[in-house]
């Protein structure tokens, strides 16, 4: 979003001096170029000090959910094909998925997801695998996507994804480690050691 809360949150993040920031989509909420500029200006203190690695939301345009022009690939410089990609930082592997376009078997994105997760799972340098996308497979809100859960969560179980970071719902919550069929593998409230299922986070508290 582009309101006063957005500025407060962004400035708090900038003060943490993180090595990079990951976004879970829905940034500028507008079809007006000036408002897109305003969003980037709000986040300049944060983005000028470290990379911003976004996942595409349904308000970035270029999909059936909105008539907004697709400024996502012109405003960000990302690994090709830009709307989905992966990167590694230290022992953490990040998979960025675009849940606005086809991720079902046979699609280009699905093939990429499966190859990427398989490679990360077999790489001894990868200690944690983290998936990031807009629509949450698990959420207490009506915004959870059972399609994403049915298509992607079994892959996350299979390849040992540790955390799934999502947005879409304007709230913050996280699950216990949970398999795609709803089985909770640990109910500890402090820490987990190899819980055999991902933790799902919804972090939609960026300001709006």
C-alpha atoms as a PDB file:
ATOM      1  CA  UNK A   1       0.000   0.000   0.000  1.00  0.00           C
ATOM      2  CA  UNK A   2       0.865   3.701  -0.071  1.00  0.00           C
ATOM      3  CA  UNK A   3      -0.487   5.053   3.205  1.00  0.00           C
ATOM      4  CA  UNK A   4       1.117   6.341   6.412  1.00  0.00           C
ATOM      5  CA  UNK A   5       1.255   2.823   7.874  1.00  0.00           C
ATOM      6  CA  UNK A   6       3.207   1.687   4.812  1.00  0.00           C
ATOM      7  CA  UNK A   7       5.805   4.389   5.437  1.00  0.00           C
ATOM      8  CA  UNK A   8       6.117   3.455   9.114  1.00  0.00           C
ATOM      9  CA  UNK A   9       6.571  -0.255   8.378  1.00  0.00           C
ATOM     10  CA  UNK A  10       9.075   0.359   5.574  1.00  0.00           C
ATOM     11  CA  UNK A  11      11.178   2.686   7.722  1.00  0.00           C
ATOM     12  CA  UNK A  12      11.188   0.191  10.595  1.00  0.00           C
ATOM     13  CA  UNK A  13      12.401  -2.469   8.170  1.00  0.00           C
ATOM     14  CA  UNK A  14      15.117  -0.173   6.823  1.00  0.00           C
ATOM     15  CA  UNK A  15      16.470   0.326  10.339  1.00  0.00           C
ATOM     16  CA  UNK A  16      16.965  -3.428  10.685  1.00  0.00           C
ATOM     17  CA  UNK A  17      19.658  -3.245   7.973  1.00  0.00           C
ATOM     18  CA  UNK A  18      18.776  -6.633   6.516  1.00  0.00           C
ATOM     19  CA  UNK A  19      20.831  -8.160   3.714  1.00  0.00           C
ATOM     20  CA  UNK A  20      17.727  -8.285   1.497  1.00  0.00           C
ATOM     21  CA  UNK A  21      13.935  -8.142   1.691  1.00  0.00           C
ATOM     22  CA  UNK A  22      11.444 -10.653   0.291  1.00  0.00           C
ATOM     23  CA  UNK A  23       7.983  -9.448  -0.730  1.00  0.00           C
ATOM     24  CA  UNK A  24       4.787 -11.516  -0.999  1.00  0.00           C
ATOM     25  CA  UNK A  25       2.913  -9.340  -3.497  1.00  0.00           C
ATOM     26  CA  UNK A  26       0.346  -6.510  -3.761  1.00  0.00           C
ATOM     27  CA  UNK A  27       2.537  -3.441  -3.655  1.00  0.00           C
ATOM     28  CA  UNK A  28       1.213  -0.311  -5.357  1.00  0.00           C
ATOM     29  CA  UNK A  29      -2.534  -1.021  -5.776  1.00  0.00           C
ATOM     30  CA  UNK A  30      -2.929   1.354  -8.693  1.00  0.00           C
ATOM     31  CA  UNK A  31      -3.030   1.734 -12.459  1.00  0.00           C
ATOM     32  CA  UNK A  32      -1.543   5.224 -12.218  1.00  0.00           C
ATOM     33  CA  UNK A  33       2.167   5.632 -12.942  1.00  0.00           C
ATOM     34  CA  UNK A  34       2.498   8.391 -10.335  1.00  0.00           C
ATOM     35  CA  UNK A  35       1.156   6.099  -7.625  1.00  0.00           C
ATOM     36  CA  UNK A  36       3.616   3.397  -8.641  1.00  0.00           C
ATOM     37  CA  UNK A  37       6.352   6.022  -8.287  1.00  0.00           C
ATOM     38  CA  UNK A  38       4.959   6.945  -4.885  1.00  0.00           C
ATOM     39  CA  UNK A  39       5.255   3.353  -3.685  1.00  0.00           C
ATOM     40  CA  UNK A  40       8.884   3.171  -4.762  1.00  0.00           C
ATOM     41  CA  UNK A  41       9.607   6.564  -3.166  1.00  0.00           C
ATOM     42  CA  UNK A  42       8.074   5.361   0.115  1.00  0.00           C
ATOM     43  CA  UNK A  43      10.384   2.352   0.079  1.00  0.00           C
ATOM     44  CA  UNK A  44      13.518   4.104  -1.154  1.00  0.00           C
ATOM     45  CA  UNK A  45      15.268   4.029   2.249  1.00  0.00           C
ATOM     46  CA  UNK A  46      14.755   0.261   2.384  1.00  0.00           C
ATOM     47  CA  UNK A  47      15.461  -0.597  -1.250  1.00  0.00           C
ATOM     48  CA  UNK A  48      18.495   1.664  -1.598  1.00  0.00           C
ATOM     49  CA  UNK A  49      20.450  -0.315   1.000  1.00  0.00           C
ATOM     50  CA  UNK A  50      19.719  -3.921  -0.027  1.00  0.00           C
ATOM     51  CA  UNK A  51      17.928  -5.920  -2.751  1.00  0.00           C
ATOM     52  CA  UNK A  52      14.159  -6.274  -2.762  1.00  0.00           C
ATOM     53  CA  UNK A  53      13.129  -9.703  -4.078  1.00  0.00           C
ATOM     54  CA  UNK A  54       9.393  -9.666  -4.865  1.00  0.00           C
ATOM     55  CA  UNK A  55       6.765 -12.259  -5.584  1.00  0.00           C
ATOM     56  CA  UNK A  56       3.951 -11.012  -7.821  1.00  0.00           C
ATOM     57  CA  UNK A  57       0.547 -10.368  -6.283  1.00  0.00           C
ATOM     58  CA  UNK A  58      -2.826 -10.044  -7.956  1.00  0.00           C
ATOM     59  CA  UNK A  59      -2.625  -6.218  -7.801  1.00  0.00           C
ATOM     60  CA  UNK A  60       0.551  -5.906  -9.886  1.00  0.00           C
ATOM     61  CA  UNK A  61      -1.348  -6.312 -13.153  1.00  0.00           C
ATOM     62  CA  UNK A  62      -0.977  -8.563 -16.138  1.00  0.00           C
ATOM     63  CA  UNK A  63      -3.479 -11.212 -15.001  1.00  0.00           C
ATOM     64  CA  UNK A  64      -7.199 -11.885 -15.034  1.00  0.00           C
ATOM     65  CA  UNK A  65      -7.863 -10.508 -11.557  1.00  0.00           C
ATOM     66  CA  UNK A  66      -7.151  -6.874 -12.397  1.00  0.00           C
ATOM     67  CA  UNK A  67      -7.173  -4.479 -15.302  1.00  0.00           C
ATOM     68  CA  UNK A  68      -3.985  -2.780 -14.119  1.00  0.00           C
ATOM     69  CA  UNK A  69      -1.188  -2.620 -16.691  1.00  0.00           C
ATOM     70  CA  UNK A  70       1.606  -5.086 -16.011  1.00  0.00           C
ATOM     71  CA  UNK A  71       4.346  -2.811 -14.683  1.00  0.00           C
ATOM     72  CA  UNK A  72       5.915  -5.613 -12.640  1.00  0.00           C
ATOM     73  CA  UNK A  73       8.557  -6.630 -15.228  1.00  0.00           C
ATOM     74  CA  UNK A  74       9.356  -3.014 -16.121  1.00  0.00           C
ATOM     75  CA  UNK A  75       9.769  -1.831 -12.532  1.00  0.00           C
ATOM     76  CA  UNK A  76      11.801  -4.751 -11.185  1.00  0.00           C
ATOM     77  CA  UNK A  77      14.985  -6.302 -12.590  1.00  0.00           C
ATOM     78  CA  UNK A  78      14.795  -9.982 -11.679  1.00  0.00           C
ATOM     79  CA  UNK A  79      16.175 -13.326 -12.856  1.00  0.00           C
ATOM     80  CA  UNK A  80      14.295 -14.549 -15.954  1.00  0.00           C
ATOM     81  CA  UNK A  81      11.440 -15.081 -16.507  1.00  0.00           C
ATOM     82  CA  UNK A  82      11.047 -12.558 -13.653  1.00  0.00           C
ATOM     83  CA  UNK A  83       7.600 -13.556 -12.378  1.00  0.00           C
ATOM     84  CA  UNK A  84       9.092 -16.784 -11.003  1.00  0.00           C
ATOM     85  CA  UNK A  85      12.725 -17.449 -10.134  1.00  0.00           C
ATOM     86  CA  UNK A  86      14.994 -18.614  -7.328  1.00  0.00           C
ATOM     87  CA  UNK A  87      18.102 -17.458  -5.512  1.00  0.00           C
ATOM     88  CA  UNK A  88      20.350 -18.562  -2.692  1.00  0.00           C
ATOM     89  CA  UNK A  89      21.742 -16.644   0.258  1.00  0.00           C
ATOM     90  CA  UNK A  90      24.118 -18.488   2.562  1.00  0.00           C
ATOM     91  CA  UNK A  91      22.481 -21.777   3.460  1.00  0.00           C
ATOM     92  CA  UNK A  92      18.989 -20.609   2.500  1.00  0.00           C
ATOM     93  CA  UNK A  93      17.416 -21.312  -0.890  1.00  0.00           C
ATOM     94  CA  UNK A  94      14.481 -19.117  -1.917  1.00  0.00           C
ATOM     95  CA  UNK A  95      11.930 -20.182  -4.524  1.00  0.00           C
ATOM     96  CA  UNK A  96       9.704 -17.343  -5.778  1.00  0.00           C
ATOM     97  CA  UNK A  97       6.451 -18.587  -7.340  1.00  0.00           C
ATOM     98  CA  UNK A  98       3.802 -16.676  -9.297  1.00  0.00           C
ATOM     99  CA  UNK A  99       0.448 -18.067  -8.146  1.00  0.00           C
ATOM    100  CA  UNK A 100      -1.382 -15.777 -10.594  1.00  0.00           C
ATOM    101  CA  UNK A 101      -0.367 -17.881 -13.603  1.00  0.00           C
ATOM    102  CA  UNK A 102      -0.410 -21.592 -14.384  1.00  0.00           C
ATOM    103  CA  UNK A 103       1.507 -23.814 -11.943  1.00  0.00           C
ATOM    104  CA  UNK A 104      -0.286 -27.079 -12.705  1.00  0.00           C
ATOM    105  CA  UNK A 105       1.519 -30.160 -14.134  1.00  0.00           C
ATOM    106  CA  UNK A 106       2.726 -29.584 -17.674  1.00  0.00           C
ATOM    107  CA  UNK A 107       3.098 -25.814 -17.319  1.00  0.00           C
ATOM    108  CA  UNK A 108       6.466 -24.095 -17.686  1.00  0.00           C
ATOM    109  CA  UNK A 109       6.315 -22.761 -14.151  1.00  0.00           C
ATOM    110  CA  UNK A 110       5.483 -26.184 -12.665  1.00  0.00           C
ATOM    111  CA  UNK A 111       8.468 -27.722 -14.440  1.00  0.00           C
ATOM    112  CA  UNK A 112      10.693 -24.975 -13.060  1.00  0.00           C
ATOM    113  CA  UNK A 113       9.316 -25.428  -9.523  1.00  0.00           C
ATOM    114  CA  UNK A 114       9.900 -29.173  -9.555  1.00  0.00           C
ATOM    115  CA  UNK A 115      13.437 -28.877 -10.982  1.00  0.00           C
ATOM    116  CA  UNK A 116      14.351 -26.150  -8.541  1.00  0.00           C
ATOM    117  CA  UNK A 117      13.047 -27.932  -5.442  1.00  0.00           C
ATOM    118  CA  UNK A 118      14.698 -31.191  -6.470  1.00  0.00           C
ATOM    119  CA  UNK A 119      18.043 -29.444  -6.968  1.00  0.00           C
ATOM    120  CA  UNK A 120      17.782 -27.654  -3.618  1.00  0.00           C
ATOM    121  CA  UNK A 121      16.875 -30.887  -1.814  1.00  0.00           C
ATOM    122  CA  UNK A 122      19.945 -32.638  -3.219  1.00  0.00           C
ATOM    123  CA  UNK A 123      22.354 -29.752  -2.534  1.00  0.00           C
ATOM    124  CA  UNK A 124      24.258 -30.282   0.752  1.00  0.00           C
ATOM    125  CA  UNK A 125      24.905 -26.531   0.965  1.00  0.00           C
ATOM    126  CA  UNK A 126      21.172 -25.829   1.332  1.00  0.00           C
ATOM    127  CA  UNK A 127      20.112 -25.946   4.977  1.00  0.00           C
ATOM    128  CA  UNK A 128      16.713 -24.288   4.553  1.00  0.00           C
ATOM    129  CA  UNK A 129      14.358 -24.068   1.598  1.00  0.00           C
ATOM    130  CA  UNK A 130      11.860 -21.211   1.627  1.00  0.00           C
ATOM    131  CA  UNK A 131       9.041 -20.756  -0.886  1.00  0.00           C
ATOM    132  CA  UNK A 132       7.478 -17.328  -1.419  1.00  0.00           C
ATOM    133  CA  UNK A 133       4.218 -16.595  -3.252  1.00  0.00           C
ATOM    134  CA  UNK A 134       1.133 -14.448  -2.949  1.00  0.00           C
ATOM    135  CA  UNK A 135      -1.819 -16.773  -2.309  1.00  0.00           C
ATOM    136  CA  UNK A 136      -1.701 -18.715   1.001  1.00  0.00           C
ATOM    137  CA  UNK A 137      -2.392 -22.468   1.010  1.00  0.00           C
ATOM    138  CA  UNK A 138      -3.238 -22.249   4.713  1.00  0.00           C
ATOM    139  CA  UNK A 139      -4.937 -19.274   6.353  1.00  0.00           C
ATOM    140  CA  UNK A 140      -7.713 -18.587   8.831  1.00  0.00           C
ATOM    141  CA  UNK A 141      -9.097 -16.024   6.369  1.00  0.00           C
ATOM    142  CA  UNK A 142     -11.267 -16.583   3.301  1.00  0.00           C
ATOM    143  CA  UNK A 143      -8.248 -15.721   1.178  1.00  0.00           C
ATOM    144  CA  UNK A 144      -6.640 -19.149   1.536  1.00  0.00           C
ATOM    145  CA  UNK A 145      -6.273 -21.006  -1.764  1.00  0.00           C
ATOM    146  CA  UNK A 146      -7.158 -24.679  -1.727  1.00  0.00           C
ATOM    147  CA  UNK A 147      -5.909 -24.859  -5.326  1.00  0.00           C
ATOM    148  CA  UNK A 148      -2.436 -23.753  -4.253  1.00  0.00           C
ATOM    149  CA  UNK A 149      -2.594 -26.211  -1.351  1.00  0.00           C
ATOM    150  CA  UNK A 150      -3.586 -29.081  -3.633  1.00  0.00           C
ATOM    151  CA  UNK A 151      -1.016 -28.309  -6.316  1.00  0.00           C
ATOM    152  CA  UNK A 152       2.034 -26.937  -4.495  1.00  0.00           C
ATOM    153  CA  UNK A 153       1.896 -28.121  -0.876  1.00  0.00           C
ATOM    154  CA  UNK A 154       2.482 -31.803  -1.809  1.00  0.00           C
ATOM    155  CA  UNK A 155       5.668 -30.684  -3.572  1.00  0.00           C
ATOM    156  CA  UNK A 156       6.712 -28.764  -0.481  1.00  0.00           C
ATOM    157  CA  UNK A 157       6.194 -31.924   1.585  1.00  0.00           C
ATOM    158  CA  UNK A 158       8.094 -34.057  -0.904  1.00  0.00           C
ATOM    159  CA  UNK A 159      11.149 -31.831  -1.206  1.00  0.00           C
ATOM    160  CA  UNK A 160      11.442 -30.693   2.399  1.00  0.00           C
ATOM    161  CA  UNK A 161      10.467 -27.024   2.152  1.00  0.00           C
ATOM    162  CA  UNK A 162      10.884 -25.450   5.595  1.00  0.00           C
ATOM    163  CA  UNK A 163       8.884 -22.217   5.368  1.00  0.00           C
ATOM    164  CA  UNK A 164       6.265 -20.876   2.941  1.00  0.00           C
ATOM    165  CA  UNK A 165       5.863 -17.079   3.005  1.00  0.00           C
ATOM    166  CA  UNK A 166       2.624 -15.681   1.546  1.00  0.00           C
ATOM    167  CA  UNK A 167       0.477 -12.537   1.523  1.00  0.00           C
ATOM    168  CA  UNK A 168      -2.955 -11.702   0.032  1.00  0.00           C
ATOM    169  CA  UNK A 169      -4.777 -11.574   3.397  1.00  0.00           C
ATOM    170  CA  UNK A 170      -4.118  -8.353   5.302  1.00  0.00           C
ATOM    171  CA  UNK A 171      -3.020  -9.958   8.536  1.00  0.00           C
ATOM    172  CA  UNK A 172      -0.130 -11.855  10.102  1.00  0.00           C
ATOM    173  CA  UNK A 173      -0.338 -15.477  11.140  1.00  0.00           C
ATOM    174  CA  UNK A 174       1.672 -18.678  10.969  1.00  0.00           C
ATOM    175  CA  UNK A 175       0.922 -22.354  11.309  1.00  0.00           C
ATOM    176  CA  UNK A 176       2.516 -25.174  13.174  1.00  0.00           C
ATOM    177  CA  UNK A 177       4.477 -27.401  10.782  1.00  0.00           C
ATOM    178  CA  UNK A 178       1.692 -28.919   8.693  1.00  0.00           C
ATOM    179  CA  UNK A 179       1.538 -31.326   5.768  1.00  0.00           C
ATOM    180  CA  UNK A 180      -0.590 -30.739   2.696  1.00  0.00           C
ATOM    181  CA  UNK A 181      -3.288 -33.080   4.038  1.00  0.00           C
ATOM    182  CA  UNK A 182      -3.611 -30.984   7.212  1.00  0.00           C
ATOM    183  CA  UNK A 183      -1.537 -33.230   9.477  1.00  0.00           C
ATOM    184  CA  UNK A 184       0.266 -31.151  12.117  1.00  0.00           C
ATOM    185  CA  UNK A 185       3.681 -32.692  12.720  1.00  0.00           C
ATOM    186  CA  UNK A 186       4.662 -30.659  15.790  1.00  0.00           C
ATOM    187  CA  UNK A 187       2.741 -28.455  18.205  1.00  0.00           C
ATOM    188  CA  UNK A 188       5.758 -26.984  19.964  1.00  0.00           C
ATOM    189  CA  UNK A 189       5.432 -23.232  20.472  1.00  0.00           C
ATOM    190  CA  UNK A 190       9.163 -22.619  20.880  1.00  0.00           C
ATOM    191  CA  UNK A 191      11.332 -24.355  18.293  1.00  0.00           C
ATOM    192  CA  UNK A 192      11.355 -27.182  15.764  1.00  0.00           C
ATOM    193  CA  UNK A 193      14.011 -29.721  14.895  1.00  0.00           C
ATOM    194  CA  UNK A 194      13.308 -31.407  11.573  1.00  0.00           C
ATOM    195  CA  UNK A 195       9.502 -31.346  11.909  1.00  0.00           C
ATOM    196  CA  UNK A 196       8.965 -33.008   8.485  1.00  0.00           C
ATOM    197  CA  UNK A 197       6.524 -30.336   7.259  1.00  0.00           C
ATOM    198  CA  UNK A 198       6.596 -26.650   6.294  1.00  0.00           C
ATOM    199  CA  UNK A 199       5.553 -23.716   8.443  1.00  0.00           C
ATOM    200  CA  UNK A 200       3.138 -21.484   6.514  1.00  0.00           C
ATOM    201  CA  UNK A 201       3.289 -17.742   7.138  1.00  0.00           C
ATOM    202  CA  UNK A 202       0.852 -15.063   6.003  1.00  0.00           C
ATOM    203  CA  UNK A 203       2.549 -11.696   6.257  1.00  0.00           C
ATOM    204  CA  UNK A 204       0.030  -9.235   4.862  1.00  0.00           C
ATOM    205  CA  UNK A 205       0.702  -6.458   7.357  1.00  0.00           C
ATOM    206  CA  UNK A 206       2.834  -4.228   5.141  1.00  0.00           C
ATOM    207  CA  UNK A 207       0.644  -1.180   5.654  1.00  0.00           C
ATOM    208  CA  UNK A 208      -2.719  -1.482   3.883  1.00  0.00           C
END
